[in-house]
Every structure is written in structure tokens, then in C-alpha cells.
PDB file of N, CA and C in Angstrom:
ATOM      1  N   MET A   1      -2.611  -3.277   8.432  1.00  0.00           N
ATOM      2  CA  MET A   1      -1.501  -2.893   7.378  1.00  0.00           C
ATOM      3  C   MET A   1      -1.320  -1.310   7.311  1.00  0.00           C
ATOM      4  N   PHE A   2      -0.252  -0.862   7.306  1.00  0.00           N
ATOM      5  CA  PHE A   2       0.114   0.416   7.232  1.00  0.00           C
ATOM      6  C   PHE A   2       0.937   0.845   5.969  1.00  0.00           C
ATOM      7  N   THR A   3       0.829   2.091   5.555  1.00  0.00           N
ATOM      8  CA  THR A   3       1.638   2.434   4.376  1.00  0.00           C
ATOM      9  C   THR A   3       2.977   2.728   4.906  1.00  0.00           C
ATOM     10  N   SER A   4       3.812   2.474   3.900  1.00  0.00           N
ATOM     11  CA  SER A   4       5.313   2.714   4.220  1.00  0.00           C
ATOM     12  C   SER A   4       5.557   4.077   4.094  1.00  0.00           C
ATOM     13  N   THR A   5       6.019   4.666   5.089  1.00  0.00           N
ATOM     14  CA  THR A   5       6.422   6.113   5.199  1.00  0.00           C
ATOM     15  C   THR A   5       7.672   6.270   6.053  1.00  0.00           C
ATOM     16  N   ALA A   6       8.562   7.261   5.630  1.00  0.00           N
ATOM     17  CA  ALA A   6       9.728   7.427   6.481  1.00  0.00           C
ATOM     18  C   ALA A   6       9.338   7.909   7.829  1.00  0.00           C
ATOM     19  N   LYS A   7      10.321   7.679   8.758  1.00  0.00           N
ATOM     20  CA  LYS A   7      10.119   8.076  10.243  1.00  0.00           C
ATOM     21  C   LYS A   7      10.877   9.514   9.992  1.00  0.00           C
ATOM     22  N   TRP A   8      10.451  10.311  11.178  1.00  0.00           N
ATOM     23  CA  TRP A   8      10.941  11.679  11.185  1.00  0.00           C
ATOM     24  C   TRP A   8      12.518  11.669  11.447  1.00  0.00           C
ATOM     25  N   ALA A   9      13.034  10.762  12.229  1.00  0.00           N
ATOM     26  CA  ALA A   9      14.417  10.840  12.285  1.00  0.00           C
ATOM     27  C   ALA A   9      15.278  10.343  11.095  1.00  0.00           C
ATOM     28  N   ALA A  10      14.701   9.625  10.225  1.00  0.00           N
ATOM     29  CA  ALA A  10      15.262   9.242   8.808  1.00  0.00           C
ATOM     30  C   ALA A  10      15.170  10.357   7.973  1.00  0.00           C
ATOM     31  N   LEU A  11      14.066  11.097   7.914  1.00  0.00           N
ATOM     32  CA  LEU A  11      13.901  12.344   7.029  1.00  0.00           C
ATOM     33  C   LEU A  11      14.771  13.300   7.605  1.00  0.00           C
ATOM     34  N   ARG A  12      14.988  13.656   8.832  1.00  0.00           N
ATOM     35  CA  ARG A  12      15.961  14.587   9.339  1.00  0.00           C
ATOM     36  C   ARG A  12      17.385  14.374   8.957  1.00  0.00           C
ATOM     37  N   ALA A  13      17.870  13.031   9.021  1.00  0.00           N
ATOM     38  CA  ALA A  13      19.158  12.603   8.761  1.00  0.00           C
ATOM     39  C   ALA A  13      19.336  12.942   7.242  1.00  0.00           C
ATOM     40  N   ILE A  14      18.440  12.700   6.403  1.00  0.00           N
ATOM     41  CA  ILE A  14      18.532  12.792   4.903  1.00  0.00           C
ATOM     42  C   ILE A  14      18.659  14.147   4.503  1.00  0.00           C
ATOM     43  N   LEU A  15      17.876  15.131   5.309  1.00  0.00           N
ATOM     44  CA  LEU A  15      18.057  16.527   5.037  1.00  0.00           C
ATOM     45  C   LEU A  15      19.333  16.980   5.522  1.00  0.00           C
ATOM     46  N   ALA A  16      19.995  16.491   6.531  1.00  0.00           N
ATOM     47  CA  ALA A  16      21.085  16.965   7.255  1.00  0.00           C
ATOM     48  C   ALA A  16      22.316  16.439   6.250  1.00  0.00           C
ATOM     49  N   ILE A  17      22.323  15.499   5.694  1.00  0.00           N
ATOM     50  CA  ILE A  17      23.333  14.849   4.696  1.00  0.00           C
ATOM     51  C   ILE A  17      23.212  15.606   3.581  1.00  0.00           C
ATOM     52  N   ALA A  18      21.992  15.900   3.040  1.00  0.00           N
ATOM     53  CA  ALA A  18      21.925  16.781   1.767  1.00  0.00           C
ATOM     54  C   ALA A  18      22.327  18.179   1.973  1.00  0.00           C
ATOM     55  N   ALA A  19      22.084  18.764   3.126  1.00  0.00           N
ATOM     56  CA  ALA A  19      22.596  20.124   3.578  1.00  0.00           C
ATOM     57  C   ALA A  19      24.072  20.107   3.472  1.00  0.00           C
ATOM     58  N   PHE A  20      24.605  19.144   4.297  1.00  0.00           N
ATOM     59  CA  PHE A  20      26.173  19.032   4.429  1.00  0.00           C
ATOM     60  C   PHE A  20      26.769  18.862   3.021  1.00  0.00           C
ATOM     61  N   GLU A  21      26.355  18.034   2.430  1.00  0.00           N
ATOM     62  CA  GLU A  21      26.838  17.668   0.896  1.00  0.00           C
ATOM     63  C   GLU A  21      26.417  18.640  -0.180  1.00  0.00           C
ATOM     64  N   ASP A  22      25.714  19.608   0.138  1.00  0.00           N
ATOM     65  CA  ASP A  22      25.165  20.625  -0.818  1.00  0.00           C
ATOM     66  C   ASP A  22      24.530  19.944  -2.083  1.00  0.00           C
ATOM     67  N   LEU A  23      23.557  19.005  -1.626  1.00  0.00           N
ATOM     68  CA  LEU A  23      22.827  18.208  -2.709  1.00  0.00           C
ATOM     69  C   LEU A  23      21.460  18.739  -3.035  1.00  0.00           C
ATOM     70  N   GLU A  24      21.029  18.611  -4.118  1.00  0.00           N
ATOM     71  CA  GLU A  24      19.442  18.967  -4.477  1.00  0.00           C
ATOM     72  C   GLU A  24      18.653  17.642  -4.053  1.00  0.00           C
ATOM     73  N   LEU A  25      17.487  18.093  -3.473  1.00  0.00           N
ATOM     74  CA  LEU A  25      16.577  16.751  -3.096  1.00  0.00           C
ATOM     75  C   LEU A  25      15.273  16.941  -3.893  1.00  0.00           C
ATOM     76  N   TYR A  26      14.787  15.859  -4.497  1.00  0.00           N
ATOM     77  CA  TYR A  26      13.515  15.914  -5.140  1.00  0.00           C
ATOM     78  C   TYR A  26      12.596  14.888  -4.564  1.00  0.00           C
ATOM     79  N   SER A  27      11.233  15.066  -4.529  1.00  0.00           N
ATOM     80  CA  SER A  27      10.468  14.008  -4.004  1.00  0.00           C
ATOM     81  C   SER A  27       9.327  13.834  -5.096  1.00  0.00           C
ATOM     82  N   VAL A  28       8.756  12.538  -4.846  1.00  0.00           N
ATOM     83  CA  VAL A  28       7.722  12.184  -5.725  1.00  0.00           C
ATOM     84  C   VAL A  28       6.707  11.475  -4.920  1.00  0.00           C
ATOM     85  N   ASN A  29       5.371  11.518  -5.321  1.00  0.00           N
ATOM     86  CA  ASN A  29       4.570  10.885  -4.702  1.00  0.00           C
ATOM     87  C   ASN A  29       3.890   9.688  -5.438  1.00  0.00           C
ATOM     88  N   ILE A  30       3.965   8.494  -5.099  1.00  0.00           N
ATOM     89  CA  ILE A  30       3.459   7.350  -5.720  1.00  0.00           C
ATOM     90  C   ILE A  30       2.354   6.877  -5.027  1.00  0.00           C
ATOM     91  N   SER A  31       1.040   7.384  -5.212  1.00  0.00           N
ATOM     92  CA  SER A  31       0.083   6.916  -4.326  1.00  0.00           C
ATOM     93  C   SER A  31      -0.452   5.506  -4.344  1.00  0.00           C
ATOM     94  N   THR A  32      -0.123   4.815  -5.482  1.00  0.00           N
ATOM     95  CA  THR A  32      -0.624   3.444  -5.664  1.00  0.00           C
ATOM     96  C   THR A  32       0.507   2.339  -5.463  1.00  0.00           C
ATOM     97  N   ALA A  33       1.530   2.859  -4.883  1.00  0.00           N
ATOM     98  CA  ALA A  33       2.731   1.775  -4.771  1.00  0.00           C
ATOM     99  C   ALA A  33       2.392   0.486  -3.786  1.00  0.00           C
ATOM    100  N   PHE A  34       1.381   0.949  -2.795  1.00  0.00           N
ATOM    101  CA  PHE A  34       1.102  -0.175  -1.903  1.00  0.00           C
ATOM    102  C   PHE A  34       0.212  -1.104  -2.249  1.00  0.00           C
ATOM    103  N   LEU A  35      -0.327  -0.937  -3.476  1.00  0.00           N
ATOM    104  CA  LEU A  35      -1.240  -1.883  -4.108  1.00  0.00           C
ATOM    105  C   LEU A  35      -0.507  -2.930  -4.837  1.00  0.00           C
ATOM    106  N   ASN A  36       0.889  -2.680  -5.017  1.00  0.00           N
ATOM    107  CA  ASN A  36       1.532  -3.706  -5.790  1.00  0.00           C
ATOM    108  C   ASN A  36       2.358  -4.736  -4.750  1.00  0.00           C
ATOM    109  N   ASP A  37       2.216  -4.490  -3.561  1.00  0.00           N
ATOM    110  CA  ASP A  37       2.995  -5.320  -2.598  1.00  0.00           C
ATOM    111  C   ASP A  37       2.100  -6.631  -2.348  1.00  0.00           C
ATOM    112  N   GLU A  38       2.735  -7.767  -2.170  1.00  0.00           N
ATOM    113  CA  GLU A  38       2.110  -8.858  -1.660  1.00  0.00           C
ATOM    114  C   GLU A  38       1.420  -8.678  -0.296  1.00  0.00           C
ATOM    115  N   MET A  39       0.329  -9.419   0.006  1.00  0.00           N
ATOM    116  CA  MET A  39      -0.309  -9.462   1.139  1.00  0.00           C
ATOM    117  C   MET A  39       0.601 -10.223   2.314  1.00  0.00           C
ATOM    118  N   GLU A  40       0.747  -9.628   3.638  1.00  0.00           N
ATOM    119  CA  GLU A  40       1.471 -10.369   4.525  1.00  0.00           C
ATOM    120  C   GLU A  40       0.759 -11.286   5.320  1.00  0.00           C
ATOM    121  N   TYR A  41      -0.701 -11.337   5.178  1.00  0.00           N
ATOM    122  CA  TYR A  41      -1.726 -12.240   6.032  1.00  0.00           C
ATOM    123  C   TYR A  41      -2.797 -12.349   5.050  1.00  0.00           C
ATOM    124  N   ASP A  42      -3.567 -13.412   5.413  1.00  0.00           N
ATOM    125  CA  ASP A  42      -4.814 -13.748   4.608  1.00  0.00           C
ATOM    126  C   ASP A  42      -5.867 -12.635   4.860  1.00  0.00           C
ATOM    127  N   VAL A  43      -6.588 -12.143   3.786  1.00  0.00           N
ATOM    128  CA  VAL A  43      -7.730 -11.319   4.039  1.00  0.00           C
ATOM    129  C   VAL A  43      -8.641 -11.972   2.903  1.00  0.00           C
ATOM    130  N   TYR A  44      -9.934 -12.049   3.449  1.00  0.00           N
ATOM    131  CA  TYR A  44     -11.019 -12.501   2.810  1.00  0.00           C
ATOM    132  C   TYR A  44     -12.025 -11.316   2.552  1.00  0.00           C
ATOM    133  N   MET A  45     -12.815 -11.278   1.407  1.00  0.00           N
ATOM    134  CA  MET A  45     -13.853 -10.375   1.359  1.00  0.00           C
ATOM    135  C   MET A  45     -15.051 -11.039   0.590  1.00  0.00           C
ATOM    136  N   THR A  46     -16.134 -10.352   0.779  1.00  0.00           N
ATOM    137  CA  THR A  46     -17.304 -11.007   0.125  1.00  0.00           C
ATOM    138  C   THR A  46     -17.457 -10.404  -1.303  1.00  0.00           C
ATOM    139  N   GLN A  47     -18.053 -11.202  -2.131  1.00  0.00           N
ATOM    140  CA  GLN A  47     -17.950 -10.884  -3.603  1.00  0.00           C
ATOM    141  C   GLN A  47     -18.771  -9.503  -3.791  1.00  0.00           C
ATOM    142  N   PRO A  48     -18.196  -8.399  -4.592  1.00  0.00           N
ATOM    143  CA  PRO A  48     -19.014  -7.262  -5.039  1.00  0.00           C
ATOM    144  C   PRO A  48     -20.359  -7.619  -5.681  1.00  0.00           C
ATOM    145  N   GLU A  49     -21.360  -6.470  -5.241  1.00  0.00           N
ATOM    146  CA  GLU A  49     -22.655  -6.860  -5.987  1.00  0.00           C
ATOM    147  C   GLU A  49     -22.392  -6.909  -7.452  1.00  0.00           C
ATOM    148  N   ARG A  50     -23.334  -7.738  -8.205  1.00  0.00           N
ATOM    149  CA  ARG A  50     -23.276  -7.908  -9.472  1.00  0.00           C
ATOM    150  C   ARG A  50     -22.055  -8.633  -9.863  1.00  0.00           C
ATOM    151  N   PHE A  51     -21.225  -9.187  -9.078  1.00  0.00           N
ATOM    152  CA  PHE A  51     -20.167 -10.136  -9.280  1.00  0.00           C
ATOM    153  C   PHE A  51     -20.340 -11.649  -8.986  1.00  0.00           C
ATOM    154  N   GLU A  52     -21.365 -11.647  -8.278  1.00  0.00           N
ATOM    155  CA  GLU A  52     -21.860 -13.060  -7.755  1.00  0.00           C
ATOM    156  C   GLU A  52     -22.419 -13.692  -8.955  1.00  0.00           C
ATOM    157  N   ASN A  53     -22.380 -14.956  -9.154  1.00  0.00           N
ATOM    158  CA  ASN A  53     -22.995 -15.702 -10.306  1.00  0.00           C
ATOM    159  C   ASN A  53     -23.689 -16.879  -9.819  1.00  0.00           C
ATOM    160  N   TYR A  54     -24.469 -17.655 -10.505  1.00  0.00           N
ATOM    161  CA  TYR A  54     -25.397 -18.425 -10.071  1.00  0.00           C
ATOM    162  C   TYR A  54     -24.759 -19.756  -9.451  1.00  0.00           C
ATOM    163  N   PHE A  55     -23.456 -20.065  -9.889  1.00  0.00           N
ATOM    164  CA  PHE A  55     -22.595 -21.154  -9.239  1.00  0.00           C
ATOM    165  C   PHE A  55     -21.983 -20.913  -7.970  1.00  0.00           C
ATOM    166  N   SER A  56     -21.829 -19.690  -7.601  1.00  0.00           N
ATOM    167  CA  SER A  56     -21.165 -19.516  -6.379  1.00  0.00           C
ATOM    168  C   SER A  56     -21.892 -18.281  -5.475  1.00  0.00           C
ATOM    169  N   PRO A  57     -22.961 -18.280  -5.204  1.00  0.00           N
ATOM    170  CA  PRO A  57     -23.681 -17.386  -4.307  1.00  0.00           C
ATOM    171  C   PRO A  57     -23.092 -17.494  -2.948  1.00  0.00           C
ATOM    172  N   GLY A  58     -22.804 -16.393  -2.189  1.00  0.00           N
ATOM    173  CA  GLY A  58     -22.239 -16.431  -0.960  1.00  0.00           C
ATOM    174  C   GLY A  58     -20.777 -16.746  -0.808  1.00  0.00           C
ATOM    175  N   PHE A  59     -20.226 -17.172  -1.867  1.00  0.00           N
ATOM    176  CA  PHE A  59     -18.725 -17.351  -1.759  1.00  0.00           C
ATOM    177  C   PHE A  59     -17.979 -16.005  -1.268  1.00  0.00           C
ATOM    178  N   VAL A  60     -16.784 -16.240  -0.683  1.00  0.00           N
ATOM    179  CA  VAL A  60     -15.814 -15.071  -0.453  1.00  0.00           C
ATOM    180  C   VAL A  60     -14.667 -15.295  -1.255  1.00  0.00           C
ATOM    181  N   LEU A  61     -13.972 -14.144  -1.424  1.00  0.00           N
ATOM    182  CA  LEU A  61     -12.573 -14.024  -2.162  1.00  0.00           C
ATOM    183  C   LEU A  61     -11.360 -13.950  -1.214  1.00  0.00           C
ATOM    184  N   LYS A  62     -10.435 -14.546  -1.644  1.00  0.00           N
ATOM    185  CA  LYS A  62      -9.102 -14.485  -0.826  1.00  0.00           C
ATOM    186  C   LYS A  62      -8.315 -13.391  -1.538  1.00  0.00           C
ATOM    187  N   LEU A  63      -7.813 -12.364  -1.104  1.00  0.00           N
ATOM    188  CA  LEU A  63      -7.181 -11.360  -1.775  1.00  0.00           C
ATOM    189  C   LEU A  63      -5.610 -11.805  -1.898  1.00  0.00           C
ATOM    190  N   ILE A  64      -4.966 -11.564  -3.059  1.00  0.00           N
ATOM    191  CA  ILE A  64      -3.634 -11.765  -3.420  1.00  0.00           C
ATOM    192  C   ILE A  64      -2.871 -10.546  -3.361  1.00  0.00           C
ATOM    193  N   LYS A  65      -3.611  -9.558  -3.685  1.00  0.00           N
ATOM    194  CA  LYS A  65      -2.961  -7.891  -3.554  1.00  0.00           C
ATOM    195  C   LYS A  65      -3.715  -7.093  -2.726  1.00  0.00           C
ATOM    196  N   SER A  66      -3.333  -5.961  -2.240  1.00  0.00           N
ATOM    197  CA  SER A  66      -4.099  -4.979  -1.678  1.00  0.00           C
ATOM    198  C   SER A  66      -5.243  -4.428  -2.609  1.00  0.00           C
ATOM    199  N   ILE A  67      -6.054  -3.713  -2.182  1.00  0.00           N
ATOM    200  CA  ILE A  67      -7.155  -3.103  -2.816  1.00  0.00           C
ATOM    201  C   ILE A  67      -7.373  -1.577  -2.029  1.00  0.00           C
ATOM    202  N   TYR A  68      -7.931  -0.760  -2.908  1.00  0.00           N
ATOM    203  CA  TYR A  68      -8.384   0.625  -2.207  1.00  0.00           C
ATOM    204  C   TYR A  68      -9.117   0.331  -1.105  1.00  0.00           C
ATOM    205  N   GLY A  69      -8.838   1.078  -0.104  1.00  0.00           N
ATOM    206  CA  GLY A  69      -9.667   1.112   1.363  1.00  0.00           C
ATOM    207  C   GLY A  69      -9.507  -0.060   2.216  1.00  0.00           C
ATOM    208  N   LEU A  70      -8.503  -0.864   1.817  1.00  0.00           N
ATOM    209  CA  LEU A  70      -8.114  -2.077   2.815  1.00  0.00           C
ATOM    210  C   LEU A  70      -7.296  -1.374   3.721  1.00  0.00           C
ATOM    211  N   LYS A  71      -7.561  -1.694   5.072  1.00  0.00           N
ATOM    212  CA  LYS A  71      -6.758  -1.292   6.347  1.00  0.00           C
ATOM    213  C   LYS A  71      -6.350  -2.208   6.914  1.00  0.00           C
TER     214      LYS A  71
END
């Protein structure tokens, strides 16, 4: 899974259009946007320490959304 970033050709095209039309450009950094996306494939993980309980030792969790550190 890769983060969604613009290709260089797309960025250059946007800059060229903005220069031609005399537009002002702004940028924002939304560092957690990828965490809101649905998973494209099944990913399972072991339970974090202290999360396991008496009834489910050794169980794994199926992720529905992305988490930090997932590649």
C-alpha cells in the first residue's frame, strides 16, 4: 500500500496552468488522510500487548481501516 501522491508530470502541468492563468496556488498537508481509506485487501495483525483477554488468547484481528506503520 502506497500513499497517494501526485506524479511529477501532473504537478508540472498544474504549475504550468497556474502560471499561464496567473493563479495563486496553495498547499496543505493532511498527514492522516490515508487512515480514513478502506483497505483494498485483507490484513490481519496479532493483538497488542495488554489487549488480549482470557477468552481470546492468540486471536488475530482483521483490520478494516489503515493504522500507523502499515506498509
